[in-house]
């Protein structure tokens, strides 16, 4: 069993080392790679805001996923300020209701850990896919440092619990973070519109004022 798992992780590591910079993962988007024609407006805006960050350099790796107004930020950066800046700009995008910031601050991420995280995420996704009681396409699965993050919209609480149980059943998963929203849950309320300044009417339209008789000057105390 150990030999099989080791070979699987090695294969994932080799695949990542060859295609890391050019191949897009099916569950998240790399900020510097253009999206396809069917990309949502929120995804396009998130991508634009991330690549425009002033301190985004060649040694930084930013990625994201969008699911029903929830944006998950992923990757690794060398500046702590870049992590917080990325979250702040995404929060201001219209239609974004929640930002999950999983960006790591480090010089370089261990390739072996990345391979293991990829392996665990695929194992969880495989369990969801073969379960007829789960609509797997409504879920996104991410894994960082053996912690599985579940994002999406569940049909009901029973389905969400099945998804969580599947993730917990995968060997070497040390924790499961559940950010799944049930379809019947109310969405966060829209923020109120900004206060509108009172309209200033011309003198001839204001009650009790007669510009011809000079009442305007008296009313203003002049």
C-alpha atoms as a PDB file:
ATOM      1  CA  UNK A   1       0.000   0.000   0.000  1.00  0.00           C
ATOM      2  CA  UNK A   2       2.791   2.412   0.932  1.00  0.00           C
ATOM      3  CA  UNK A   3       4.631   1.646  -2.318  1.00  0.00           C
ATOM      4  CA  UNK A   4       1.523   2.319  -4.397  1.00  0.00           C
ATOM      5  CA  UNK A   5       0.868   5.623  -2.626  1.00  0.00           C
ATOM      6  CA  UNK A   6       4.510   6.660  -2.960  1.00  0.00           C
ATOM      7  CA  UNK A   7       4.454   5.952  -6.690  1.00  0.00           C
ATOM      8  CA  UNK A   8       1.234   7.905  -7.063  1.00  0.00           C
ATOM      9  CA  UNK A   9       2.684  10.921  -5.256  1.00  0.00           C
ATOM     10  CA  UNK A  10       5.864  10.719  -7.333  1.00  0.00           C
ATOM     11  CA  UNK A  11       3.831  10.697 -10.538  1.00  0.00           C
ATOM     12  CA  UNK A  12       1.878  13.748  -9.366  1.00  0.00           C
ATOM     13  CA  UNK A  13       5.111  15.531  -8.473  1.00  0.00           C
ATOM     14  CA  UNK A  14       6.612  14.872 -11.897  1.00  0.00           C
ATOM     15  CA  UNK A  15       3.463  16.076 -13.605  1.00  0.00           C
ATOM     16  CA  UNK A  16       3.395  19.269 -11.554  1.00  0.00           C
ATOM     17  CA  UNK A  17       7.057  20.025 -12.144  1.00  0.00           C
ATOM     18  CA  UNK A  18       6.583  19.866 -15.929  1.00  0.00           C
ATOM     19  CA  UNK A  19       3.232  21.614 -16.241  1.00  0.00           C
ATOM     20  CA  UNK A  20       3.037  23.855 -13.182  1.00  0.00           C
ATOM     21  CA  UNK A  21       3.450  27.127 -15.048  1.00  0.00           C
ATOM     22  CA  UNK A  22       1.514  26.245 -18.193  1.00  0.00           C
ATOM     23  CA  UNK A  23      -1.349  23.996 -17.220  1.00  0.00           C
ATOM     24  CA  UNK A  24      -4.470  25.262 -15.499  1.00  0.00           C
ATOM     25  CA  UNK A  25      -6.025  23.168 -12.748  1.00  0.00           C
ATOM     26  CA  UNK A  26      -9.679  22.295 -13.326  1.00  0.00           C
ATOM     27  CA  UNK A  27     -10.679  23.493  -9.857  1.00  0.00           C
ATOM     28  CA  UNK A  28      -8.980  26.872  -9.795  1.00  0.00           C
ATOM     29  CA  UNK A  29      -7.687  29.582 -12.093  1.00  0.00           C
ATOM     30  CA  UNK A  30      -4.145  30.921 -12.259  1.00  0.00           C
ATOM     31  CA  UNK A  31      -4.219  34.709 -12.161  1.00  0.00           C
ATOM     32  CA  UNK A  32      -1.663  35.207 -14.944  1.00  0.00           C
ATOM     33  CA  UNK A  33      -3.304  32.798 -17.447  1.00  0.00           C
ATOM     34  CA  UNK A  34      -6.196  34.268 -19.483  1.00  0.00           C
ATOM     35  CA  UNK A  35      -9.589  32.654 -18.960  1.00  0.00           C
ATOM     36  CA  UNK A  36     -11.786  31.104 -21.605  1.00  0.00           C
ATOM     37  CA  UNK A  37     -14.676  32.755 -23.402  1.00  0.00           C
ATOM     38  CA  UNK A  38     -17.252  31.375 -20.962  1.00  0.00           C
ATOM     39  CA  UNK A  39     -15.550  32.817 -17.882  1.00  0.00           C
ATOM     40  CA  UNK A  40     -17.910  34.676 -15.544  1.00  0.00           C
ATOM     41  CA  UNK A  41     -17.776  38.413 -14.996  1.00  0.00           C
ATOM     42  CA  UNK A  42     -16.623  37.956 -11.386  1.00  0.00           C
ATOM     43  CA  UNK A  43     -13.782  35.641 -12.466  1.00  0.00           C
ATOM     44  CA  UNK A  44     -12.623  38.124 -15.108  1.00  0.00           C
ATOM     45  CA  UNK A  45     -12.658  40.963 -12.595  1.00  0.00           C
ATOM     46  CA  UNK A  46     -10.825  38.904  -9.943  1.00  0.00           C
ATOM     47  CA  UNK A  47      -8.134  37.981 -12.466  1.00  0.00           C
ATOM     48  CA  UNK A  48      -7.735  41.614 -13.542  1.00  0.00           C
ATOM     49  CA  UNK A  49      -7.485  42.920  -9.990  1.00  0.00           C
ATOM     50  CA  UNK A  50      -4.898  40.304  -8.980  1.00  0.00           C
ATOM     51  CA  UNK A  51      -2.537  40.858 -11.899  1.00  0.00           C
ATOM     52  CA  UNK A  52      -2.736  44.634 -11.335  1.00  0.00           C
ATOM     53  CA  UNK A  53      -1.474  44.400  -7.746  1.00  0.00           C
ATOM     54  CA  UNK A  54       1.623  46.643  -7.504  1.00  0.00           C
ATOM     55  CA  UNK A  55       3.878  44.106  -5.718  1.00  0.00           C
ATOM     56  CA  UNK A  56       2.861  41.004  -7.709  1.00  0.00           C
ATOM     57  CA  UNK A  57       6.242  39.672  -8.892  1.00  0.00           C
ATOM     58  CA  UNK A  58       7.725  36.723 -10.757  1.00  0.00           C
ATOM     59  CA  UNK A  59       8.296  34.818  -7.517  1.00  0.00           C
ATOM     60  CA  UNK A  60       4.622  35.057  -6.500  1.00  0.00           C
ATOM     61  CA  UNK A  61       1.977  32.506  -7.441  1.00  0.00           C
ATOM     62  CA  UNK A  62      -1.645  33.619  -7.175  1.00  0.00           C
ATOM     63  CA  UNK A  63      -4.665  31.521  -8.064  1.00  0.00           C
ATOM     64  CA  UNK A  64      -8.369  31.631  -7.291  1.00  0.00           C
ATOM     65  CA  UNK A  65     -11.693  29.865  -7.660  1.00  0.00           C
ATOM     66  CA  UNK A  66     -15.178  31.381  -7.885  1.00  0.00           C
ATOM     67  CA  UNK A  67     -18.287  29.602  -6.673  1.00  0.00           C
ATOM     68  CA  UNK A  68     -21.630  31.385  -6.318  1.00  0.00           C
ATOM     69  CA  UNK A  69     -20.181  34.672  -5.077  1.00  0.00           C
ATOM     70  CA  UNK A  70     -17.526  33.012  -2.911  1.00  0.00           C
ATOM     71  CA  UNK A  71     -13.957  33.669  -4.052  1.00  0.00           C
ATOM     72  CA  UNK A  72     -11.146  31.493  -2.697  1.00  0.00           C
ATOM     73  CA  UNK A  73      -7.651  32.933  -3.003  1.00  0.00           C
ATOM     74  CA  UNK A  74      -4.825  30.413  -3.286  1.00  0.00           C
ATOM     75  CA  UNK A  75      -1.113  30.302  -3.967  1.00  0.00           C
ATOM     76  CA  UNK A  76       2.085  31.505  -2.314  1.00  0.00           C
ATOM     77  CA  UNK A  77       3.608  34.982  -2.108  1.00  0.00           C
ATOM     78  CA  UNK A  78       6.852  36.420  -0.754  1.00  0.00           C
ATOM     79  CA  UNK A  79       5.358  39.594   0.755  1.00  0.00           C
ATOM     80  CA  UNK A  80       2.767  39.476   3.576  1.00  0.00           C
ATOM     81  CA  UNK A  81       1.255  42.713   2.267  1.00  0.00           C
ATOM     82  CA  UNK A  82       0.470  41.058  -1.060  1.00  0.00           C
ATOM     83  CA  UNK A  83      -1.750  38.520   0.703  1.00  0.00           C
ATOM     84  CA  UNK A  84      -3.818  41.209   2.413  1.00  0.00           C
ATOM     85  CA  UNK A  85      -3.867  43.438  -0.687  1.00  0.00           C
ATOM     86  CA  UNK A  86      -5.267  40.595  -2.788  1.00  0.00           C
ATOM     87  CA  UNK A  87      -8.090  40.024  -0.315  1.00  0.00           C
ATOM     88  CA  UNK A  88      -8.925  43.718  -0.079  1.00  0.00           C
ATOM     89  CA  UNK A  89      -9.245  44.280  -3.834  1.00  0.00           C
ATOM     90  CA  UNK A  90     -11.362  41.147  -4.342  1.00  0.00           C
ATOM     91  CA  UNK A  91     -13.746  42.105  -1.525  1.00  0.00           C
ATOM     92  CA  UNK A  92     -14.637  45.301  -3.389  1.00  0.00           C
ATOM     93  CA  UNK A  93     -15.742  43.495  -6.569  1.00  0.00           C
ATOM     94  CA  UNK A  94     -19.470  43.714  -7.185  1.00  0.00           C
ATOM     95  CA  UNK A  95     -21.179  40.359  -6.621  1.00  0.00           C
ATOM     96  CA  UNK A  96     -18.525  38.931  -4.278  1.00  0.00           C
ATOM     97  CA  UNK A  97     -20.196  37.936  -1.007  1.00  0.00           C
ATOM     98  CA  UNK A  98     -17.313  36.098   0.693  1.00  0.00           C
ATOM     99  CA  UNK A  99     -13.526  35.889   0.326  1.00  0.00           C
ATOM    100  CA  UNK A 100     -11.615  32.888   1.677  1.00  0.00           C
ATOM    101  CA  UNK A 101      -7.936  33.830   1.803  1.00  0.00           C
ATOM    102  CA  UNK A 102      -5.703  30.753   1.729  1.00  0.00           C
ATOM    103  CA  UNK A 103      -2.656  32.465   0.242  1.00  0.00           C
ATOM    104  CA  UNK A 104       0.556  31.324   1.915  1.00  0.00           C
ATOM    105  CA  UNK A 105       3.464  33.630   2.686  1.00  0.00           C
ATOM    106  CA  UNK A 106       6.707  31.795   2.008  1.00  0.00           C
ATOM    107  CA  UNK A 107       9.765  31.771  -0.214  1.00  0.00           C
ATOM    108  CA  UNK A 108       8.982  28.522  -1.972  1.00  0.00           C
ATOM    109  CA  UNK A 109       6.396  25.801  -1.508  1.00  0.00           C
ATOM    110  CA  UNK A 110       7.567  22.222  -1.061  1.00  0.00           C
ATOM    111  CA  UNK A 111       6.898  20.247  -4.242  1.00  0.00           C
ATOM    112  CA  UNK A 112       6.271  17.046  -2.309  1.00  0.00           C
ATOM    113  CA  UNK A 113       3.562  18.715  -0.219  1.00  0.00           C
ATOM    114  CA  UNK A 114       1.961  20.135  -3.348  1.00  0.00           C
ATOM    115  CA  UNK A 115       1.871  16.670  -4.884  1.00  0.00           C
ATOM    116  CA  UNK A 116       0.283  15.194  -1.771  1.00  0.00           C
ATOM    117  CA  UNK A 117      -2.325  17.964  -1.605  1.00  0.00           C
ATOM    118  CA  UNK A 118      -3.172  17.358  -5.261  1.00  0.00           C
ATOM    119  CA  UNK A 119      -3.493  13.631  -4.608  1.00  0.00           C
ATOM    120  CA  UNK A 120      -5.806  14.124  -1.610  1.00  0.00           C
ATOM    121  CA  UNK A 121      -8.020  16.608  -3.457  1.00  0.00           C
ATOM    122  CA  UNK A 122      -8.405  14.168  -6.353  1.00  0.00           C
ATOM    123  CA  UNK A 123      -9.270  11.341  -3.951  1.00  0.00           C
ATOM    124  CA  UNK A 124     -12.014  13.423  -2.333  1.00  0.00           C
ATOM    125  CA  UNK A 125     -13.353  14.489  -5.727  1.00  0.00           C
ATOM    126  CA  UNK A 126     -13.434  10.848  -6.889  1.00  0.00           C
ATOM    127  CA  UNK A 127     -15.577   9.921  -3.895  1.00  0.00           C
ATOM    128  CA  UNK A 128     -18.029  12.711  -4.673  1.00  0.00           C
ATOM    129  CA  UNK A 129     -18.169  11.786  -8.347  1.00  0.00           C
ATOM    130  CA  UNK A 130     -19.138   8.142  -7.786  1.00  0.00           C
ATOM    131  CA  UNK A 131     -21.730   8.940  -5.107  1.00  0.00           C
ATOM    132  CA  UNK A 132     -25.135   9.091  -6.805  1.00  0.00           C
ATOM    133  CA  UNK A 133     -26.498  11.008  -3.835  1.00  0.00           C
ATOM    134  CA  UNK A 134     -24.155  13.949  -4.458  1.00  0.00           C
ATOM    135  CA  UNK A 135     -24.200  16.446  -7.323  1.00  0.00           C
ATOM    136  CA  UNK A 136     -20.439  16.602  -7.582  1.00  0.00           C
ATOM    137  CA  UNK A 137     -20.372  19.403 -10.179  1.00  0.00           C
ATOM    138  CA  UNK A 138     -21.737  21.805  -7.564  1.00  0.00           C
ATOM    139  CA  UNK A 139     -18.632  21.422  -5.409  1.00  0.00           C
ATOM    140  CA  UNK A 140     -15.058  22.594  -5.514  1.00  0.00           C
ATOM    141  CA  UNK A 141     -12.353  20.738  -3.551  1.00  0.00           C
ATOM    142  CA  UNK A 142      -9.048  22.303  -2.556  1.00  0.00           C
ATOM    143  CA  UNK A 143      -6.330  20.895  -0.325  1.00  0.00           C
ATOM    144  CA  UNK A 144      -3.503  22.777   1.382  1.00  0.00           C
ATOM    145  CA  UNK A 145      -1.138  21.097   3.843  1.00  0.00           C
ATOM    146  CA  UNK A 146      -3.443  18.051   4.126  1.00  0.00           C
ATOM    147  CA  UNK A 147      -6.431  20.253   5.015  1.00  0.00           C
ATOM    148  CA  UNK A 148      -9.378  19.861   2.633  1.00  0.00           C
ATOM    149  CA  UNK A 149     -11.520  22.915   1.836  1.00  0.00           C
ATOM    150  CA  UNK A 150     -15.043  22.264   0.524  1.00  0.00           C
ATOM    151  CA  UNK A 151     -16.780  25.060  -1.379  1.00  0.00           C
ATOM    152  CA  UNK A 152     -20.059  25.062  -3.273  1.00  0.00           C
ATOM    153  CA  UNK A 153     -23.823  24.812  -3.012  1.00  0.00           C
ATOM    154  CA  UNK A 154     -25.498  21.696  -1.589  1.00  0.00           C
ATOM    155  CA  UNK A 155     -29.029  20.554  -2.346  1.00  0.00           C
ATOM    156  CA  UNK A 156     -29.780  20.046   1.354  1.00  0.00           C
ATOM    157  CA  UNK A 157     -28.037  19.466   4.686  1.00  0.00           C
ATOM    158  CA  UNK A 158     -27.960  15.685   4.174  1.00  0.00           C
ATOM    159  CA  UNK A 159     -26.018  16.032   0.921  1.00  0.00           C
ATOM    160  CA  UNK A 160     -23.564  18.458   2.507  1.00  0.00           C
ATOM    161  CA  UNK A 161     -22.966  16.027   5.365  1.00  0.00           C
ATOM    162  CA  UNK A 162     -22.288  13.225   2.868  1.00  0.00           C
ATOM    163  CA  UNK A 163     -19.678  15.417   1.182  1.00  0.00           C
ATOM    164  CA  UNK A 164     -17.996  16.240   4.496  1.00  0.00           C
ATOM    165  CA  UNK A 165     -17.988  12.558   5.486  1.00  0.00           C
ATOM    166  CA  UNK A 166     -16.374  11.582   2.174  1.00  0.00           C
ATOM    167  CA  UNK A 167     -13.585  14.108   2.734  1.00  0.00           C
ATOM    168  CA  UNK A 168     -12.991  12.873   6.275  1.00  0.00           C
ATOM    169  CA  UNK A 169     -12.801   9.274   5.108  1.00  0.00           C
ATOM    170  CA  UNK A 170      -9.795   9.907   2.861  1.00  0.00           C
ATOM    171  CA  UNK A 171      -6.578   8.731   4.479  1.00  0.00           C
ATOM    172  CA  UNK A 172      -4.007  11.399   5.486  1.00  0.00           C
ATOM    173  CA  UNK A 173      -6.591  14.218   5.515  1.00  0.00           C
ATOM    174  CA  UNK A 174      -6.003  15.898   8.860  1.00  0.00           C
ATOM    175  CA  UNK A 175      -8.887  18.381   8.789  1.00  0.00           C
ATOM    176  CA  UNK A 176     -11.905  19.416   6.705  1.00  0.00           C
ATOM    177  CA  UNK A 177     -13.032  23.033   6.368  1.00  0.00           C
ATOM    178  CA  UNK A 178     -16.622  23.274   5.155  1.00  0.00           C
ATOM    179  CA  UNK A 179     -17.671  26.433   3.286  1.00  0.00           C
ATOM    180  CA  UNK A 180     -20.617  24.829   1.472  1.00  0.00           C
ATOM    181  CA  UNK A 181     -23.884  26.752   1.406  1.00  0.00           C
ATOM    182  CA  UNK A 182     -27.215  24.931   1.314  1.00  0.00           C
ATOM    183  CA  UNK A 183     -29.335  25.938  -1.682  1.00  0.00           C
ATOM    184  CA  UNK A 184     -32.247  27.018   0.534  1.00  0.00           C
ATOM    185  CA  UNK A 185     -30.087  29.279   2.716  1.00  0.00           C
ATOM    186  CA  UNK A 186     -30.753  32.992   2.168  1.00  0.00           C
ATOM    187  CA  UNK A 187     -28.030  34.948   0.422  1.00  0.00           C
ATOM    188  CA  UNK A 188     -26.325  37.787   2.229  1.00  0.00           C
ATOM    189  CA  UNK A 189     -28.369  40.999   1.880  1.00  0.00           C
ATOM    190  CA  UNK A 190     -27.257  43.529  -0.676  1.00  0.00           C
ATOM    191  CA  UNK A 191     -25.606  46.618   0.863  1.00  0.00           C
ATOM    192  CA  UNK A 192     -27.865  49.720   0.912  1.00  0.00           C
ATOM    193  CA  UNK A 193     -27.296  52.295  -1.818  1.00  0.00           C
ATOM    194  CA  UNK A 194     -25.240  55.354  -0.870  1.00  0.00           C
ATOM    195  CA  UNK A 195     -27.141  58.262   0.605  1.00  0.00           C
ATOM    196  CA  UNK A 196     -28.313  60.710  -1.999  1.00  0.00           C
ATOM    197  CA  UNK A 197     -27.630  64.403  -1.489  1.00  0.00           C
ATOM    198  CA  UNK A 198     -30.803  66.539  -1.194  1.00  0.00           C
ATOM    199  CA  UNK A 199     -31.774  68.208  -4.424  1.00  0.00           C
ATOM    200  CA  UNK A 200     -31.334  71.993  -4.420  1.00  0.00           C
ATOM    201  CA  UNK A 201     -34.297  73.666  -6.069  1.00  0.00           C
ATOM    202  CA  UNK A 202     -34.025  77.004  -7.877  1.00  0.00           C
ATOM    203  CA  UNK A 203     -35.447  80.014  -6.042  1.00  0.00           C
ATOM    204  CA  UNK A 204     -38.526  80.227  -8.237  1.00  0.00           C
ATOM    205  CA  UNK A 205     -39.422  76.635  -7.374  1.00  0.00           C
ATOM    206  CA  UNK A 206     -39.044  76.957  -3.577  1.00  0.00           C
ATOM    207  CA  UNK A 207     -42.277  77.570  -1.643  1.00  0.00           C
ATOM    208  CA  UNK A 208     -42.612  80.995   0.011  1.00  0.00           C
ATOM    209  CA  UNK A 209     -39.865  82.630  -2.019  1.00  0.00           C
ATOM    210  CA  UNK A 210     -40.513  85.232  -4.690  1.00  0.00           C
ATOM    211  CA  UNK A 211     -37.347  86.207  -6.579  1.00  0.00           C
ATOM    212  CA  UNK A 212     -39.064  89.228  -8.106  1.00  0.00           C
ATOM    213  CA  UNK A 213     -39.949  90.769  -4.711  1.00  0.00           C
ATOM    214  CA  UNK A 214     -36.533  90.244  -3.142  1.00  0.00           C
ATOM    215  CA  UNK A 215     -37.736  87.682  -0.566  1.00  0.00           C
ATOM    216  CA  UNK A 216     -34.803  85.496  -1.524  1.00  0.00           C
ATOM    217  CA  UNK A 217     -32.306  87.890  -0.062  1.00  0.00           C
ATOM    218  CA  UNK A 218     -34.363  88.311   3.116  1.00  0.00           C
ATOM    219  CA  UNK A 219     -34.737  84.579   3.606  1.00  0.00           C
ATOM    220  CA  UNK A 220     -31.003  84.083   3.330  1.00  0.00           C
ATOM    221  CA  UNK A 221     -30.305  86.775   5.927  1.00  0.00           C
ATOM    222  CA  UNK A 222     -28.579  89.114   3.490  1.00  0.00           C
END
